[in-house]
Amino acid sequence: MPAQKLTKGRLVQIIIMMVVLIAAFTYRTISHKESSEVDCQSSQPCEVKFQDKNVRFLYQDSTNTLAVTKSEDLTIKGSKSDGSALNVTATMNISKDEMPVTFVISDDSDNSVKVDILPR
């Protein structure tokens, strides 16, 4: 089958389609945000990288304590599974019955990430 001649109408159609595709990919690239939710298992240490800083959660089953290591300029707010607020300190007493526990890590620029600590 011989190739057909490229008409002005077909060329315009190809150019319009390319402009639409380039605009869609550009918009998606600009508006893309990294995942702002992380799920962690209480049986394993969990390290979350946020704004080039690490936040570490470590649950110790034997003592029912959750240790949180974070940078000073980050703010962490926590809540228990029943929705009640959790006072976030370096070490917190949390039983398995109070899990899952949700933390919201934020910085001064209102960027945030949600971390759920799930029971085994």
PDB file of N, CA and C in Angstrom:
ATOM      1  N   MET A   1       0.844  -1.166   0.000  1.00  0.00           N
ATOM      2  CA  MET A   1       0.000   0.000   0.000  1.00  0.00           C
ATOM      3  C   MET A   1       0.897   1.240   0.000  1.00  0.00           C
ATOM      4  N   PRO A   2       0.757   2.080  -0.968  1.00  0.00           N
ATOM      5  CA  PRO A   2       1.621   3.258  -1.057  1.00  0.00           C
ATOM      6  C   PRO A   2       1.249   4.301  -0.004  1.00  0.00           C
ATOM      7  N   ALA A   3       2.228   5.079   0.413  1.00  0.00           N
ATOM      8  CA  ALA A   3       2.005   6.139   1.397  1.00  0.00           C
ATOM      9  C   ALA A   3       1.209   7.265   0.753  1.00  0.00           C
ATOM     10  N   GLN A   4       0.302   7.838   1.532  1.00  0.00           N
ATOM     11  CA  GLN A   4      -0.505   8.937   1.013  1.00  0.00           C
ATOM     12  C   GLN A   4       0.217  10.256   1.238  1.00  0.00           C
ATOM     13  N   LYS A   5      -0.143  11.201   0.427  1.00  0.00           N
ATOM     14  CA  LYS A   5       0.449  12.521   0.517  1.00  0.00           C
ATOM     15  C   LYS A   5      -0.043  13.206   1.800  1.00  0.00           C
ATOM     16  N   LEU A   6       0.844  13.938   2.476  1.00  0.00           N
ATOM     17  CA  LEU A   6       0.495  14.657   3.699  1.00  0.00           C
ATOM     18  C   LEU A   6      -0.226  15.948   3.326  1.00  0.00           C
ATOM     19  N   THR A   7      -1.498  15.998   3.690  1.00  0.00           N
ATOM     20  CA  THR A   7      -2.290  17.182   3.363  1.00  0.00           C
ATOM     21  C   THR A   7      -2.175  18.208   4.486  1.00  0.00           C
ATOM     22  N   LYS A   8      -2.600  19.440   4.181  1.00  0.00           N
ATOM     23  CA  LYS A   8      -2.562  20.497   5.193  1.00  0.00           C
ATOM     24  C   LYS A   8      -3.484  20.152   6.364  1.00  0.00           C
ATOM     25  N   GLY A   9      -4.639  19.598   6.066  1.00  0.00           N
ATOM     26  CA  GLY A   9      -5.590  19.226   7.116  1.00  0.00           C
ATOM     27  C   GLY A   9      -5.022  18.169   8.058  1.00  0.00           C
ATOM     28  N   ARG A  10      -4.365  17.160   7.474  1.00  0.00           N
ATOM     29  CA  ARG A  10      -3.764  16.093   8.294  1.00  0.00           C
ATOM     30  C   ARG A  10      -2.610  16.646   9.131  1.00  0.00           C
ATOM     31  N   LEU A  11      -1.809  17.543   8.571  1.00  0.00           N
ATOM     32  CA  LEU A  11      -0.700  18.159   9.301  1.00  0.00           C
ATOM     33  C   LEU A  11      -1.224  18.987  10.480  1.00  0.00           C
ATOM     34  N   VAL A  12      -2.290  19.748  10.259  1.00  0.00           N
ATOM     35  CA  VAL A  12      -2.894  20.533  11.337  1.00  0.00           C
ATOM     36  C   VAL A  12      -3.410  19.602  12.429  1.00  0.00           C
ATOM     37  N   GLN A  13      -4.039  18.495  12.041  1.00  0.00           N
ATOM     38  CA  GLN A  13      -4.554  17.524  13.015  1.00  0.00           C
ATOM     39  C   GLN A  13      -3.413  16.940  13.857  1.00  0.00           C
ATOM     40  N   ILE A  14      -2.311  16.600  13.237  1.00  0.00           N
ATOM     41  CA  ILE A  14      -1.154  16.047  13.954  1.00  0.00           C
ATOM     42  C   ILE A  14      -0.581  17.089  14.915  1.00  0.00           C
ATOM     43  N   ILE A  15      -0.445  18.321  14.478  1.00  0.00           N
ATOM     44  CA  ILE A  15       0.114  19.379  15.330  1.00  0.00           C
ATOM     45  C   ILE A  15      -0.800  19.653  16.521  1.00  0.00           C
ATOM     46  N   ILE A  16      -2.108  19.721  16.290  1.00  0.00           N
ATOM     47  CA  ILE A  16      -3.052  19.946  17.395  1.00  0.00           C
ATOM     48  C   ILE A  16      -2.961  18.815  18.411  1.00  0.00           C
ATOM     49  N   MET A  17      -2.899  17.584  17.940  1.00  0.00           N
ATOM     50  CA  MET A  17      -2.807  16.435  18.848  1.00  0.00           C
ATOM     51  C   MET A  17      -1.507  16.485  19.657  1.00  0.00           C
ATOM     52  N   MET A  18      -0.405  16.865  19.025  1.00  0.00           N
ATOM     53  CA  MET A  18       0.862  16.969  19.748  1.00  0.00           C
ATOM     54  C   MET A  18       0.797  18.068  20.809  1.00  0.00           C
ATOM     55  N   VAL A  19       0.180  19.204  20.497  1.00  0.00           N
ATOM     56  CA  VAL A  19       0.049  20.300  21.462  1.00  0.00           C
ATOM     57  C   VAL A  19      -0.789  19.852  22.655  1.00  0.00           C
ATOM     58  N   VAL A  20      -1.888  19.144  22.394  1.00  0.00           N
ATOM     59  CA  VAL A  20      -2.734  18.648  23.484  1.00  0.00           C
ATOM     60  C   VAL A  20      -1.956  17.678  24.369  1.00  0.00           C
ATOM     61  N   LEU A  21      -1.222  16.749  23.784  1.00  0.00           N
ATOM     62  CA  LEU A  21      -0.444  15.776  24.562  1.00  0.00           C
ATOM     63  C   LEU A  21       0.669  16.457  25.362  1.00  0.00           C
ATOM     64  N   ILE A  22       1.364  17.383  24.755  1.00  0.00           N
ATOM     65  CA  ILE A  22       2.435  18.093  25.467  1.00  0.00           C
ATOM     66  C   ILE A  22       1.852  18.893  26.625  1.00  0.00           C
ATOM     67  N   ALA A  23       0.716  19.553  26.413  1.00  0.00           N
ATOM     68  CA  ALA A  23       0.076  20.317  27.489  1.00  0.00           C
ATOM     69  C   ALA A  23      -0.354  19.396  28.627  1.00  0.00           C
ATOM     70  N   ALA A  24      -0.921  18.229  28.297  1.00  0.00           N
ATOM     71  CA  ALA A  24      -1.365  17.291  29.334  1.00  0.00           C
ATOM     72  C   ALA A  24      -0.182  16.773  30.146  1.00  0.00           C
ATOM     73  N   PHE A  25       0.886  16.381  29.490  1.00  0.00           N
ATOM     74  CA  PHE A  25       2.052  15.870  30.208  1.00  0.00           C
ATOM     75  C   PHE A  25       2.725  16.971  31.033  1.00  0.00           C
ATOM     76  N   THR A  26       2.779  18.186  30.508  1.00  0.00           N
ATOM     77  CA  THR A  26       3.367  19.297  31.255  1.00  0.00           C
ATOM     78  C   THR A  26       2.544  19.602  32.499  1.00  0.00           C
ATOM     79  N   TYR A  27       1.222  19.656  32.360  1.00  0.00           N
ATOM     80  CA  TYR A  27       0.353  19.913  33.510  1.00  0.00           C
ATOM     81  C   TYR A  27       0.520  18.826  34.562  1.00  0.00           C
ATOM     82  N   ARG A  28       0.556  17.584  34.144  1.00  0.00           N
ATOM     83  CA  ARG A  28       0.690  16.468  35.095  1.00  0.00           C
ATOM     84  C   ARG A  28       2.041  16.523  35.807  1.00  0.00           C
ATOM     85  N   THR A  29       3.081  16.888  35.101  1.00  0.00           N
ATOM     86  CA  THR A  29       4.405  16.980  35.710  1.00  0.00           C
ATOM     87  C   THR A  29       4.463  18.114  36.727  1.00  0.00           C
ATOM     88  N   ILE A  30       3.878  19.251  36.395  1.00  0.00           N
ATOM     89  CA  ILE A  30       3.909  20.401  37.298  1.00  0.00           C
ATOM     90  C   ILE A  30       3.033  20.171  38.522  1.00  0.00           C
ATOM     91  N   SER A  31       1.865  19.588  38.332  1.00  0.00           N
ATOM     92  CA  SER A  31       0.920  19.433  39.444  1.00  0.00           C
ATOM     93  C   SER A  31       1.149  18.166  40.258  1.00  0.00           C
ATOM     94  N   HIS A  32       2.086  17.341  39.879  1.00  0.00           N
ATOM     95  CA  HIS A  32       2.335  16.080  40.585  1.00  0.00           C
ATOM     96  C   HIS A  32       2.934  16.333  41.963  1.00  0.00           C
ATOM     97  N   LYS A  33       2.370  15.676  42.968  1.00  0.00           N
ATOM     98  CA  LYS A  33       2.930  15.719  44.318  1.00  0.00           C
ATOM     99  C   LYS A  33       3.267  14.292  44.723  1.00  0.00           C
ATOM    100  N   GLU A  34       4.319  14.174  45.500  1.00  0.00           N
ATOM    101  CA  GLU A  34       4.662  12.854  45.995  1.00  0.00           C
ATOM    102  C   GLU A  34       3.594  12.395  46.975  1.00  0.00           C
ATOM    103  N   SER A  35       3.545  11.114  47.170  1.00  0.00           N
ATOM    104  CA  SER A  35       2.548  10.554  48.076  1.00  0.00           C
ATOM    105  C   SER A  35       2.664  11.206  49.445  1.00  0.00           C
ATOM    106  N   SER A  36       1.531  11.640  49.967  1.00  0.00           N
ATOM    107  CA  SER A  36       1.554  12.304  51.262  1.00  0.00           C
ATOM    108  C   SER A  36       1.015  11.398  52.361  1.00  0.00           C
ATOM    109  N   GLU A  37       0.948  10.095  52.089  1.00  0.00           N
ATOM    110  CA  GLU A  37       0.504   9.141  53.104  1.00  0.00           C
ATOM    111  C   GLU A  37       1.456   7.950  53.130  1.00  0.00           C
ATOM    112  N   VAL A  38       1.810   7.533  54.345  1.00  0.00           N
ATOM    113  CA  VAL A  38       2.708   6.396  54.525  1.00  0.00           C
ATOM    114  C   VAL A  38       2.089   5.468  55.564  1.00  0.00           C
ATOM    115  N   ASP A  39       2.080   4.176  55.269  1.00  0.00           N
ATOM    116  CA  ASP A  39       1.623   3.172  56.233  1.00  0.00           C
ATOM    117  C   ASP A  39       2.833   2.419  56.762  1.00  0.00           C
ATOM    118  N   CYS A  40       2.918   2.282  58.082  1.00  0.00           N
ATOM    119  CA  CYS A  40       4.018   1.566  58.720  1.00  0.00           C
ATOM    120  C   CYS A  40       3.450   0.466  59.611  1.00  0.00           C
ATOM    121  N   GLN A  41       4.155  -0.629  59.700  1.00  0.00           N
ATOM    122  CA  GLN A  41       3.785  -1.718  60.598  1.00  0.00           C
ATOM    123  C   GLN A  41       4.485  -1.504  61.934  1.00  0.00           C
ATOM    124  N   SER A  42       3.759  -1.752  63.022  1.00  0.00           N
ATOM    125  CA  SER A  42       4.346  -1.537  64.348  1.00  0.00           C
ATOM    126  C   SER A  42       5.451  -2.545  64.648  1.00  0.00           C
ATOM    127  N   SER A  43       5.463  -3.658  63.928  1.00  0.00           N
ATOM    128  CA  SER A  43       6.457  -4.694  64.194  1.00  0.00           C
ATOM    129  C   SER A  43       7.828  -4.364  63.606  1.00  0.00           C
ATOM    130  N   GLN A  44       7.913  -3.308  62.789  1.00  0.00           N
ATOM    131  CA  GLN A  44       9.177  -2.949  62.148  1.00  0.00           C
ATOM    132  C   GLN A  44       9.470  -1.465  62.360  1.00  0.00           C
ATOM    133  N   PRO A  45      10.743  -1.102  62.435  1.00  0.00           N
ATOM    134  CA  PRO A  45      11.072   0.326  62.496  1.00  0.00           C
ATOM    135  C   PRO A  45      10.601   1.012  61.208  1.00  0.00           C
ATOM    136  N   CYS A  46      10.154   2.231  61.338  1.00  0.00           N
ATOM    137  CA  CYS A  46       9.636   2.966  60.182  1.00  0.00           C
ATOM    138  C   CYS A  46      10.379   4.291  60.079  1.00  0.00           C
ATOM    139  N   GLU A  47      10.947   4.544  58.923  1.00  0.00           N
ATOM    140  CA  GLU A  47      11.660   5.793  58.705  1.00  0.00           C
ATOM    141  C   GLU A  47      11.010   6.520  57.537  1.00  0.00           C
ATOM    142  N   VAL A  48      10.597   7.745  57.789  1.00  0.00           N
ATOM    143  CA  VAL A  48       9.920   8.555  56.781  1.00  0.00           C
ATOM    144  C   VAL A  48      10.814   9.732  56.437  1.00  0.00           C
ATOM    145  N   LYS A  49      11.087   9.908  55.146  1.00  0.00           N
ATOM    146  CA  LYS A  49      11.887  11.052  54.704  1.00  0.00           C
ATOM    147  C   LYS A  49      10.922  12.165  54.318  1.00  0.00           C
ATOM    148  N   PHE A  50      11.094  13.317  54.965  1.00  0.00           N
ATOM    149  CA  PHE A  50      10.209  14.459  54.733  1.00  0.00           C
ATOM    150  C   PHE A  50      11.044  15.725  54.662  1.00  0.00           C
ATOM    151  N   GLN A  51      10.980  16.409  53.529  1.00  0.00           N
ATOM    152  CA  GLN A  51      11.733  17.650  53.326  1.00  0.00           C
ATOM    153  C   GLN A  51      13.227  17.449  53.616  1.00  0.00           C
ATOM    154  N   ASP A  52      13.783  16.371  53.112  1.00  0.00           N
ATOM    155  CA  ASP A  52      15.198  16.018  53.297  1.00  0.00           C
ATOM    156  C   ASP A  52      15.579  15.785  54.754  1.00  0.00           C
ATOM    157  N   LYS A  53      14.599  15.485  55.584  1.00  0.00           N
ATOM    158  CA  LYS A  53      14.853  15.157  56.990  1.00  0.00           C
ATOM    159  C   LYS A  53      14.192  13.820  57.281  1.00  0.00           C
ATOM    160  N   ASN A  54      14.799  13.058  58.167  1.00  0.00           N
ATOM    161  CA  ASN A  54      14.254  11.751  58.519  1.00  0.00           C
ATOM    162  C   ASN A  54      13.489  11.815  59.831  1.00  0.00           C
ATOM    163  N   VAL A  55      12.353  11.136  59.849  1.00  0.00           N
ATOM    164  CA  VAL A  55      11.570  10.950  61.066  1.00  0.00           C
ATOM    165  C   VAL A  55      11.471   9.445  61.259  1.00  0.00           C
ATOM    166  N   ARG A  56      11.811   8.987  62.458  1.00  0.00           N
ATOM    167  CA  ARG A  56      11.864   7.543  62.716  1.00  0.00           C
ATOM    168  C   ARG A  56      10.861   7.181  63.806  1.00  0.00           C
ATOM    169  N   PHE A  57      10.089   6.134  63.542  1.00  0.00           N
ATOM    170  CA  PHE A  57       9.129   5.595  64.495  1.00  0.00           C
ATOM    171  C   PHE A  57       9.561   4.173  64.836  1.00  0.00           C
ATOM    172  N   LEU A  58       9.647   3.870  66.127  1.00  0.00           N
ATOM    173  CA  LEU A  58      10.045   2.533  66.568  1.00  0.00           C
ATOM    174  C   LEU A  58       9.138   2.108  67.718  1.00  0.00           C
ATOM    175  N   TYR A  59       8.338   1.062  67.477  1.00  0.00           N
ATOM    176  CA  TYR A  59       7.431   0.553  68.508  1.00  0.00           C
ATOM    177  C   TYR A  59       8.073  -0.652  69.180  1.00  0.00           C
ATOM    178  N   GLN A  60       8.105  -0.632  70.519  1.00  0.00           N
ATOM    179  CA  GLN A  60       8.655  -1.757  71.281  1.00  0.00           C
ATOM    180  C   GLN A  60       7.494  -2.485  71.941  1.00  0.00           C
ATOM    181  N   ASP A  61       7.283  -3.703  71.474  1.00  0.00           N
ATOM    182  CA  ASP A  61       6.159  -4.521  71.925  1.00  0.00           C
ATOM    183  C   ASP A  61       6.216  -4.820  73.417  1.00  0.00           C
ATOM    184  N   SER A  62       7.404  -5.122  73.911  1.00  0.00           N
ATOM    185  CA  SER A  62       7.540  -5.562  75.303  1.00  0.00           C
ATOM    186  C   SER A  62       7.152  -4.474  76.300  1.00  0.00           C
ATOM    187  N   THR A  63       7.399  -3.222  75.963  1.00  0.00           N
ATOM    188  CA  THR A  63       7.102  -2.123  76.889  1.00  0.00           C
ATOM    189  C   THR A  63       5.943  -1.242  76.423  1.00  0.00           C
ATOM    190  N   ASN A  64       5.349  -1.573  75.287  1.00  0.00           N
ATOM    191  CA  ASN A  64       4.259  -0.773  74.700  1.00  0.00           C
ATOM    192  C   ASN A  64       4.641   0.694  74.550  1.00  0.00           C
ATOM    193  N   THR A  65       5.851   0.942  74.069  1.00  0.00           N
ATOM    194  CA  THR A  65       6.293   2.321  73.867  1.00  0.00           C
ATOM    195  C   THR A  65       6.595   2.571  72.395  1.00  0.00           C
ATOM    196  N   LEU A  66       6.266   3.757  71.967  1.00  0.00           N
ATOM    197  CA  LEU A  66       6.568   4.195  70.612  1.00  0.00           C
ATOM    198  C   LEU A  66       7.568   5.337  70.719  1.00  0.00           C
ATOM    199  N   ALA A  67       8.748   5.128  70.158  1.00  0.00           N
ATOM    200  CA  ALA A  67       9.789   6.156  70.177  1.00  0.00           C
ATOM    201  C   ALA A  67       9.757   6.910  68.853  1.00  0.00           C
ATOM    202  N   VAL A  68       9.812   8.229  68.942  1.00  0.00           N
ATOM    203  CA  VAL A  68       9.794   9.086  67.757  1.00  0.00           C
ATOM    204  C   VAL A  68      11.059   9.927  67.761  1.00  0.00           C
ATOM    205  N   THR A  69      11.813   9.852  66.674  1.00  0.00           N
ATOM    206  CA  THR A  69      13.015  10.657  66.513  1.00  0.00           C
ATOM    207  C   THR A  69      12.784  11.588  65.333  1.00  0.00           C
ATOM    208  N   LYS A  70      12.902  12.902  65.574  1.00  0.00           N
ATOM    209  CA  LYS A  70      12.627  13.864  64.511  1.00  0.00           C
ATOM    210  C   LYS A  70      13.560  15.056  64.613  1.00  0.00           C
ATOM    211  N   SER A  71      13.588  15.828  63.558  1.00  0.00           N
ATOM    212  CA  SER A  71      14.338  17.075  63.531  1.00  0.00           C
ATOM    213  C   SER A  71      13.564  18.133  64.314  1.00  0.00           C
ATOM    214  N   GLU A  72      14.270  19.083  64.886  1.00  0.00           N
ATOM    215  CA  GLU A  72      13.645  20.106  65.731  1.00  0.00           C
ATOM    216  C   GLU A  72      12.647  20.986  64.983  1.00  0.00           C
ATOM    217  N   ASP A  73      12.904  21.247  63.701  1.00  0.00           N
ATOM    218  CA  ASP A  73      12.044  22.183  62.980  1.00  0.00           C
ATOM    219  C   ASP A  73      10.792  21.548  62.377  1.00  0.00           C
ATOM    220  N   LEU A  74      10.561  20.273  62.641  1.00  0.00           N
ATOM    221  CA  LEU A  74       9.347  19.609  62.179  1.00  0.00           C
ATOM    222  C   LEU A  74       8.332  19.537  63.309  1.00  0.00           C
ATOM    223  N   THR A  75       7.070  19.622  62.951  1.00  0.00           N
ATOM    224  CA  THR A  75       5.980  19.521  63.915  1.00  0.00           C
ATOM    225  C   THR A  75       5.235  18.217  63.663  1.00  0.00           C
ATOM    226  N   ILE A  76       4.929  17.485  64.739  1.00  0.00           N
ATOM    227  CA  ILE A  76       4.182  16.236  64.611  1.00  0.00           C
ATOM    228  C   ILE A  76       2.950  16.315  65.496  1.00  0.00           C
ATOM    229  N   LYS A  77       1.797  16.061  64.897  1.00  0.00           N
ATOM    230  CA  LYS A  77       0.543  15.961  65.640  1.00  0.00           C
ATOM    231  C   LYS A  77       0.060  14.526  65.513  1.00  0.00           C
ATOM    232  N   GLY A  78      -0.462  13.983  66.610  1.00  0.00           N
ATOM    233  CA  GLY A  78      -0.891  12.596  66.595  1.00  0.00           C
ATOM    234  C   GLY A  78      -2.320  12.418  67.053  1.00  0.00           C
ATOM    235  N   SER A  79      -2.919  11.303  66.616  1.00  0.00           N
ATOM    236  CA  SER A  79      -4.257  10.946  67.083  1.00  0.00           C
ATOM    237  C   SER A  79      -4.364   9.434  67.174  1.00  0.00           C
ATOM    238  N   LYS A  80      -5.148   8.979  68.153  1.00  0.00           N
ATOM    239  CA  LYS A  80      -5.364   7.549  68.361  1.00  0.00           C
ATOM    240  C   LYS A  80      -6.484   7.066  67.450  1.00  0.00           C
ATOM    241  N   SER A  81      -6.718   5.753  67.473  1.00  0.00           N
ATOM    242  CA  SER A  81      -7.732   5.174  66.600  1.00  0.00           C
ATOM    243  C   SER A  81      -9.133   5.668  66.923  1.00  0.00           C
ATOM    244  N   ASP A  82      -9.377   6.078  68.172  1.00  0.00           N
ATOM    245  CA  ASP A  82     -10.703   6.582  68.544  1.00  0.00           C
ATOM    246  C   ASP A  82     -10.880   8.062  68.209  1.00  0.00           C
ATOM    247  N   GLY A  83      -9.854   8.678  67.613  1.00  0.00           N
ATOM    248  CA  GLY A  83      -9.934  10.072  67.209  1.00  0.00           C
ATOM    249  C   GLY A  83      -9.424  11.057  68.240  1.00  0.00           C
ATOM    250  N   SER A  84      -9.097  10.576  69.428  1.00  0.00           N
ATOM    251  CA  SER A  84      -8.607  11.490  70.462  1.00  0.00           C
ATOM    252  C   SER A  84      -7.177  11.928  70.150  1.00  0.00           C
ATOM    253  N   ALA A  85      -6.848  13.128  70.581  1.00  0.00           N
ATOM    254  CA  ALA A  85      -5.515  13.682  70.329  1.00  0.00           C
ATOM    255  C   ALA A  85      -4.469  12.924  71.131  1.00  0.00           C
ATOM    256  N   LEU A  86      -3.284  12.870  70.590  1.00  0.00           N
ATOM    257  CA  LEU A  86      -2.169  12.174  71.221  1.00  0.00           C
ATOM    258  C   LEU A  86      -1.054  13.181  71.443  1.00  0.00           C
ATOM    259  N   ASN A  87      -0.590  13.293  72.673  1.00  0.00           N
ATOM    260  CA  ASN A  87       0.515  14.186  72.987  1.00  0.00           C
ATOM    261  C   ASN A  87       1.805  13.538  72.484  1.00  0.00           C
ATOM    262  N   VAL A  88       2.410  14.130  71.471  1.00  0.00           N
ATOM    263  CA  VAL A  88       3.590  13.544  70.839  1.00  0.00           C
ATOM    264  C   VAL A  88       4.835  13.970  71.598  1.00  0.00           C
ATOM    265  N   THR A  89       5.537  12.972  72.148  1.00  0.00           N
ATOM    266  CA  THR A  89       6.810  13.179  72.833  1.00  0.00           C
ATOM    267  C   THR A  89       7.819  12.207  72.248  1.00  0.00           C
ATOM    268  N   ALA A  90       9.036  12.240  72.750  1.00  0.00           N
ATOM    269  CA  ALA A  90      10.071  11.345  72.225  1.00  0.00           C
ATOM    270  C   ALA A  90       9.703   9.883  72.439  1.00  0.00           C
ATOM    271  N   THR A  91       9.112   9.550  73.587  1.00  0.00           N
ATOM    272  CA  THR A  91       8.613   8.192  73.839  1.00  0.00           C
ATOM    273  C   THR A  91       7.196   8.290  74.393  1.00  0.00           C
ATOM    274  N   MET A  92       6.319   7.452  73.849  1.00  0.00           N
ATOM    275  CA  MET A  92       4.910   7.471  74.250  1.00  0.00           C
ATOM    276  C   MET A  92       4.462   6.062  74.598  1.00  0.00           C
ATOM    277  N   ASN A  93       3.645   5.935  75.629  1.00  0.00           N
ATOM    278  CA  ASN A  93       3.060   4.644  75.979  1.00  0.00           C
ATOM    279  C   ASN A  93       1.785   4.453  75.168  1.00  0.00           C
ATOM    280  N   ILE A  94       1.818   3.470  74.276  1.00  0.00           N
ATOM    281  CA  ILE A  94       0.672   3.183  73.410  1.00  0.00           C
ATOM    282  C   ILE A  94       0.483   1.672  73.371  1.00  0.00           C
ATOM    283  N   SER A  95      -0.704   1.221  73.740  1.00  0.00           N
ATOM    284  CA  SER A  95      -0.979  -0.217  73.689  1.00  0.00           C
ATOM    285  C   SER A  95      -1.469  -0.594  72.291  1.00  0.00           C
ATOM    286  N   LYS A  96      -1.480  -1.889  72.012  1.00  0.00           N
ATOM    287  CA  LYS A  96      -1.948  -2.374  70.709  1.00  0.00           C
ATOM    288  C   LYS A  96      -3.419  -2.037  70.496  1.00  0.00           C
ATOM    289  N   ASP A  97      -4.185  -1.930  71.601  1.00  0.00           N
ATOM    290  CA  ASP A  97      -5.612  -1.617  71.490  1.00  0.00           C
ATOM    291  C   ASP A  97      -5.848  -0.200  70.984  1.00  0.00           C
ATOM    292  N   GLU A  98      -4.882   0.684  71.179  1.00  0.00           N
ATOM    293  CA  GLU A  98      -5.019   2.074  70.751  1.00  0.00           C
ATOM    294  C   GLU A  98      -4.589   2.285  69.299  1.00  0.00           C
ATOM    295  N   MET A  99      -4.092   1.240  68.662  1.00  0.00           N
ATOM    296  CA  MET A  99      -3.639   1.351  67.277  1.00  0.00           C
ATOM    297  C   MET A  99      -4.798   1.057  66.337  1.00  0.00           C
ATOM    298  N   PRO A 100      -4.770   1.600  65.136  1.00  0.00           N
ATOM    299  CA  PRO A 100      -3.696   2.360  64.517  1.00  0.00           C
ATOM    300  C   PRO A 100      -3.596   3.781  65.075  1.00  0.00           C
ATOM    301  N   VAL A 101      -2.397   4.307  65.027  1.00  0.00           N
ATOM    302  CA  VAL A 101      -2.115   5.669  65.470  1.00  0.00           C
ATOM    303  C   VAL A 101      -1.722   6.463  64.231  1.00  0.00           C
ATOM    304  N   THR A 102      -2.251   7.672  64.121  1.00  0.00           N
ATOM    305  CA  THR A 102      -1.982   8.513  62.957  1.00  0.00           C
ATOM    306  C   THR A 102      -1.179   9.734  63.380  1.00  0.00           C
ATOM    307  N   PHE A 103      -0.129  10.016  62.618  1.00  0.00           N
ATOM    308  CA  PHE A 103       0.700  11.196  62.846  1.00  0.00           C
ATOM    309  C   PHE A 103       0.692  12.050  61.586  1.00  0.00           C
ATOM    310  N   VAL A 104       0.669  13.356  61.769  1.00  0.00           N
ATOM    311  CA  VAL A 104       0.805  14.284  60.650  1.00  0.00           C
ATOM    312  C   VAL A 104       2.069  15.095  60.899  1.00  0.00           C
ATOM    313  N   ILE A 105       3.038  14.920  60.011  1.00  0.00           N
ATOM    314  CA  ILE A 105       4.318  15.621  60.108  1.00  0.00           C
ATOM    315  C   ILE A 105       4.230  16.841  59.195  1.00  0.00           C
ATOM    316  N   SER A 106       4.565  18.015  59.728  1.00  0.00           N
ATOM    317  CA  SER A 106       4.499  19.224  58.909  1.00  0.00           C
ATOM    318  C   SER A 106       5.694  20.126  59.200  1.00  0.00           C
ATOM    319  N   ASP A 107       5.905  21.057  58.285  1.00  0.00           N
ATOM    320  CA  ASP A 107       6.977  22.036  58.464  1.00  0.00           C
ATOM    321  C   ASP A 107       6.375  23.442  58.445  1.00  0.00           C
ATOM    322  N   ASP A 108       7.219  24.445  58.449  1.00  0.00           N
ATOM    323  CA  ASP A 108       6.755  25.835  58.483  1.00  0.00           C
ATOM    324  C   ASP A 108       6.045  26.260  57.202  1.00  0.00           C
ATOM    325  N   SER A 109       6.277  25.550  56.104  1.00  0.00           N
ATOM    326  CA  SER A 109       5.699  25.913  54.806  1.00  0.00           C
ATOM    327  C   SER A 109       4.366  25.232  54.536  1.00  0.00           C
ATOM    328  N   ASP A 110       3.772  24.626  55.547  1.00  0.00           N
ATOM    329  CA  ASP A 110       2.495  23.908  55.419  1.00  0.00           C
ATOM    330  C   ASP A 110       2.574  22.671  54.531  1.00  0.00           C
ATOM    331  N   ASN A 111       3.756  22.148  54.298  1.00  0.00           N
ATOM    332  CA  ASN A 111       3.888  20.849  53.651  1.00  0.00           C
ATOM    333  C   ASN A 111       3.673  19.797  54.719  1.00  0.00           C
ATOM    334  N   SER A 112       3.015  18.701  54.365  1.00  0.00           N
ATOM    335  CA  SER A 112       2.765  17.686  55.384  1.00  0.00           C
ATOM    336  C   SER A 112       2.714  16.295  54.776  1.00  0.00           C
ATOM    337  N   VAL A 113       2.899  15.314  55.649  1.00  0.00           N
ATOM    338  CA  VAL A 113       2.766  13.912  55.276  1.00  0.00           C
ATOM    339  C   VAL A 113       2.060  13.200  56.426  1.00  0.00           C
ATOM    340  N   LYS A 114       1.177  12.285  56.071  1.00  0.00           N
ATOM    341  CA  LYS A 114       0.412  11.533  57.067  1.00  0.00           C
ATOM    342  C   LYS A 114       1.041  10.152  57.218  1.00  0.00           C
ATOM    343  N   VAL A 115       1.287   9.749  58.464  1.00  0.00           N
ATOM    344  CA  VAL A 115       1.892   8.448  58.750  1.00  0.00           C
ATOM    345  C   VAL A 115       0.942   7.663  59.648  1.00  0.00           C
ATOM    346  N   ASP A 116       0.553   6.473  59.211  1.00  0.00           N
ATOM    347  CA  ASP A 116      -0.281   5.579  60.012  1.00  0.00           C
ATOM    348  C   ASP A 116       0.585   4.447  60.538  1.00  0.00           C
ATOM    349  N   ILE A 117       0.610   4.270  61.859  1.00  0.00           N
ATOM    350  CA  ILE A 117       1.302   3.140  62.473  1.00  0.00           C
ATOM    351  C   ILE A 117       0.239   2.077  62.716  1.00  0.00           C
ATOM    352  N   LEU A 118       0.337   0.986  61.991  1.00  0.00           N
ATOM    353  CA  LEU A 118      -0.669  -0.070  62.034  1.00  0.00           C
ATOM    354  C   LEU A 118      -0.209  -1.219  62.914  1.00  0.00           C
ATOM    355  N   PRO A 119      -1.145  -1.876  63.615  1.00  0.00           N
ATOM    356  CA  PRO A 119      -0.753  -3.056  64.391  1.00  0.00           C
ATOM    357  C   PRO A 119      -0.381  -4.187  63.444  1.00  0.00           C
ATOM    358  N   ARG A 120       0.321  -5.160  63.968  1.00  0.00           N
ATOM    359  CA  ARG A 120       0.728  -6.294  63.123  1.00  0.00           C
ATOM    360  C   ARG A 120      -0.432  -6.940  62.452  1.00  0.00           C
TER     361      ARG A 120
END
